[in-house]
Structure formats: C-alpha cells, structure tokens
C-alpha cells in the first residue's frame, strides 16, 4: 500500500504539468493572430482560467498534506 508521500508526489507532478500548460496557454494568447484568432483566444482563455483554478486546488491539497 502506498502512503501519503506517494500521493503528495503525484499531486506535485500534476501541479508541474498544469503550470507548464498555463505557460503554454499564456504564450499562445500573446502569439501572432490567426484568421480564426478570436475563437482560439477565447478557447485558450477559458482553458487558462480552468487550469489556474485546478492549480489553486492542487496547491491547497499539497499544502494540507504537510
């Protein structure tokens, strides 16, 4: 059976992945506009908001495990 340390490591890894995705989305938002740019920016904005919310929850979870 795996312990708290293993679960914490999983959450930390997931948080790193979410941070990387946030950085990617932010760079996409500042990239040169494309023909369908408005819709892509809106989609990226929604995904960015969701990723930041997810990261906040993961950080709270990680902090509670200490």
N, C-alpha and C. Protein backbone atom coordinates (compact mmCIF):
# COMPACT_ATOMS: atom_id res chain seq x y z
N UNK A 1 0.84 -1.17 0.00
CA UNK A 1 0.00 0.00 0.00
C UNK A 1 0.89 1.24 0.00
N UNK A 2 0.48 2.23 -0.74
CA UNK A 2 1.28 3.44 -0.86
C UNK A 2 0.81 4.47 0.16
N UNK A 3 1.76 5.29 0.60
CA UNK A 3 1.46 6.24 1.65
C UNK A 3 1.21 7.65 1.16
N UNK A 4 1.16 8.53 2.14
CA UNK A 4 0.88 9.94 1.88
C UNK A 4 1.94 10.58 0.99
N UNK A 5 3.19 10.17 1.16
CA UNK A 5 4.29 10.73 0.36
C UNK A 5 4.11 10.44 -1.12
N UNK A 6 3.61 9.27 -1.44
CA UNK A 6 3.39 8.91 -2.83
C UNK A 6 2.27 9.76 -3.44
N UNK A 7 1.20 9.94 -2.68
CA UNK A 7 0.08 10.75 -3.16
C UNK A 7 0.52 12.20 -3.33
N UNK A 8 1.30 12.69 -2.38
CA UNK A 8 1.80 14.07 -2.46
C UNK A 8 2.67 14.25 -3.70
N UNK A 9 3.51 13.27 -3.98
CA UNK A 9 4.38 13.33 -5.17
C UNK A 9 3.54 13.35 -6.44
N UNK A 10 2.45 12.58 -6.47
CA UNK A 10 1.55 12.60 -7.62
C UNK A 10 0.93 13.98 -7.82
N UNK A 11 0.47 14.58 -6.73
CA UNK A 11 -0.15 15.90 -6.81
C UNK A 11 0.87 16.96 -7.25
N UNK A 12 2.10 16.85 -6.75
CA UNK A 12 3.14 17.80 -7.15
C UNK A 12 3.48 17.66 -8.63
N UNK A 13 3.52 16.43 -9.11
CA UNK A 13 3.77 16.21 -10.53
C UNK A 13 2.63 16.78 -11.38
N UNK A 14 1.40 16.55 -10.93
CA UNK A 14 0.25 17.09 -11.64
C UNK A 14 0.28 18.62 -11.65
N UNK A 15 0.69 19.22 -10.53
CA UNK A 15 0.79 20.68 -10.45
C UNK A 15 1.85 21.20 -11.43
N UNK A 16 2.97 20.49 -11.56
CA UNK A 16 4.02 20.89 -12.53
C UNK A 16 3.47 20.85 -13.95
N UNK A 17 2.69 19.82 -14.26
CA UNK A 17 2.10 19.72 -15.60
C UNK A 17 1.11 20.84 -15.85
N UNK A 18 0.31 21.18 -14.86
CA UNK A 18 -0.66 22.27 -15.01
C UNK A 18 0.07 23.60 -15.19
N UNK A 19 1.16 23.81 -14.43
CA UNK A 19 1.94 25.05 -14.59
C UNK A 19 2.51 25.15 -16.00
N UNK A 20 3.00 24.03 -16.52
CA UNK A 20 3.55 24.03 -17.88
C UNK A 20 2.45 24.35 -18.90
N UNK A 21 1.27 23.82 -18.70
CA UNK A 21 0.15 24.09 -19.61
C UNK A 21 -0.27 25.55 -19.51
N UNK A 22 -0.26 26.12 -18.32
CA UNK A 22 -0.59 27.53 -18.15
C UNK A 22 0.40 28.40 -18.90
N UNK A 23 1.68 28.08 -18.79
CA UNK A 23 2.70 28.85 -19.51
C UNK A 23 2.49 28.75 -21.02
N UNK A 24 2.16 27.56 -21.49
CA UNK A 24 1.91 27.36 -22.93
C UNK A 24 0.70 28.17 -23.38
N UNK A 25 -0.37 28.14 -22.62
CA UNK A 25 -1.58 28.89 -22.97
C UNK A 25 -1.32 30.40 -22.97
N UNK A 26 -0.57 30.87 -21.97
CA UNK A 26 -0.27 32.30 -21.92
C UNK A 26 0.56 32.73 -23.11
N UNK A 27 1.51 31.89 -23.53
CA UNK A 27 2.31 32.25 -24.70
C UNK A 27 1.47 32.21 -25.98
N UNK A 28 0.50 31.29 -26.04
CA UNK A 28 -0.38 31.23 -27.21
C UNK A 28 -1.27 32.47 -27.29
N UNK A 29 -1.66 33.01 -26.15
CA UNK A 29 -2.51 34.20 -26.13
C UNK A 29 -1.77 35.43 -26.66
N UNK A 30 -0.46 35.45 -26.46
CA UNK A 30 0.32 36.60 -26.91
C UNK A 30 0.90 36.39 -28.30
N UNK A 31 0.69 35.23 -28.90
CA UNK A 31 1.22 34.93 -30.23
C UNK A 31 0.51 35.76 -31.30
N UNK A 32 1.08 35.74 -32.49
CA UNK A 32 0.50 36.48 -33.61
C UNK A 32 -0.90 35.97 -33.91
N UNK A 33 -1.82 36.89 -34.25
CA UNK A 33 -3.20 36.48 -34.53
C UNK A 33 -3.30 35.64 -35.80
N UNK A 34 -4.25 34.73 -35.78
CA UNK A 34 -4.51 33.89 -36.94
C UNK A 34 -5.89 34.24 -37.50
N UNK A 35 -6.27 33.69 -38.66
CA UNK A 35 -7.59 34.02 -39.23
C UNK A 35 -8.76 33.73 -38.29
N UNK A 36 -8.64 32.68 -37.51
CA UNK A 36 -9.69 32.33 -36.56
C UNK A 36 -9.22 32.66 -35.15
N UNK A 37 -8.47 33.73 -35.02
CA UNK A 37 -7.81 34.08 -33.77
C UNK A 37 -8.73 34.36 -32.61
N UNK A 38 -9.85 35.03 -32.87
CA UNK A 38 -10.72 35.39 -31.76
C UNK A 38 -11.26 34.16 -31.03
N UNK A 39 -11.75 33.20 -31.78
CA UNK A 39 -12.29 31.99 -31.17
C UNK A 39 -11.20 31.21 -30.45
N UNK A 40 -10.02 31.13 -31.04
CA UNK A 40 -8.92 30.41 -30.39
C UNK A 40 -8.50 31.11 -29.10
N UNK A 41 -8.48 32.45 -29.13
CA UNK A 41 -8.12 33.18 -27.91
C UNK A 41 -9.17 32.96 -26.82
N UNK A 42 -10.45 32.95 -27.22
CA UNK A 42 -11.49 32.69 -26.23
C UNK A 42 -11.36 31.29 -25.64
N UNK A 43 -11.12 30.30 -26.50
CA UNK A 43 -10.94 28.93 -26.02
C UNK A 43 -9.73 28.83 -25.09
N UNK A 44 -8.63 29.48 -25.49
CA UNK A 44 -7.43 29.45 -24.66
C UNK A 44 -7.68 30.17 -23.34
N UNK A 45 -8.44 31.24 -23.37
CA UNK A 45 -8.77 31.97 -22.15
C UNK A 45 -9.59 31.12 -21.19
N UNK A 46 -10.56 30.41 -21.72
CA UNK A 46 -11.37 29.52 -20.87
C UNK A 46 -10.51 28.41 -20.29
N UNK A 47 -9.68 27.82 -21.13
CA UNK A 47 -8.82 26.74 -20.64
C UNK A 47 -7.81 27.26 -19.62
N UNK A 48 -7.31 28.47 -19.84
CA UNK A 48 -6.38 29.08 -18.91
C UNK A 48 -7.03 29.31 -17.55
N UNK A 49 -8.24 29.83 -17.57
CA UNK A 49 -8.96 30.06 -16.31
C UNK A 49 -9.18 28.75 -15.57
N UNK A 50 -9.57 27.71 -16.29
CA UNK A 50 -9.78 26.41 -15.67
C UNK A 50 -8.49 25.82 -15.12
N UNK A 51 -7.39 25.99 -15.86
CA UNK A 51 -6.10 25.47 -15.42
C UNK A 51 -5.63 26.18 -14.16
N UNK A 52 -5.84 27.49 -14.10
CA UNK A 52 -5.44 28.24 -12.90
C UNK A 52 -6.27 27.82 -11.70
N UNK A 53 -7.55 27.57 -11.91
CA UNK A 53 -8.42 27.09 -10.84
C UNK A 53 -7.93 25.72 -10.36
N UNK A 54 -7.62 24.84 -11.30
CA UNK A 54 -7.13 23.49 -10.96
C UNK A 54 -5.82 23.58 -10.19
N UNK A 55 -4.92 24.47 -10.62
CA UNK A 55 -3.64 24.62 -9.94
C UNK A 55 -3.84 25.12 -8.51
N UNK A 56 -4.76 26.04 -8.32
CA UNK A 56 -5.05 26.55 -6.99
C UNK A 56 -5.52 25.42 -6.08
N UNK A 57 -6.41 24.59 -6.58
CA UNK A 57 -6.91 23.46 -5.78
C UNK A 57 -5.80 22.45 -5.48
N UNK A 58 -4.94 22.19 -6.46
CA UNK A 58 -3.83 21.26 -6.23
C UNK A 58 -2.88 21.80 -5.17
N UNK A 59 -2.59 23.10 -5.24
CA UNK A 59 -1.68 23.69 -4.24
C UNK A 59 -2.29 23.63 -2.85
N UNK A 60 -3.60 23.83 -2.75
CA UNK A 60 -4.26 23.70 -1.45
C UNK A 60 -4.16 22.27 -0.93
N UNK A 61 -4.34 21.32 -1.81
CA UNK A 61 -4.27 19.90 -1.45
C UNK A 61 -2.86 19.55 -0.98
N UNK A 62 -1.85 20.02 -1.70
CA UNK A 62 -0.46 19.74 -1.35
C UNK A 62 -0.12 20.37 0.00
N UNK A 63 -0.57 21.60 0.21
CA UNK A 63 -0.30 22.28 1.47
C UNK A 63 -0.94 21.56 2.65
N UNK A 64 -2.12 21.00 2.43
CA UNK A 64 -2.81 20.29 3.50
C UNK A 64 -2.13 18.98 3.88
N UNK A 65 -1.32 18.44 2.99
CA UNK A 65 -0.65 17.16 3.25
C UNK A 65 0.60 17.31 4.12
N UNK A 66 1.05 18.52 4.37
CA UNK A 66 2.28 18.69 5.13
C UNK A 66 2.08 18.60 6.62
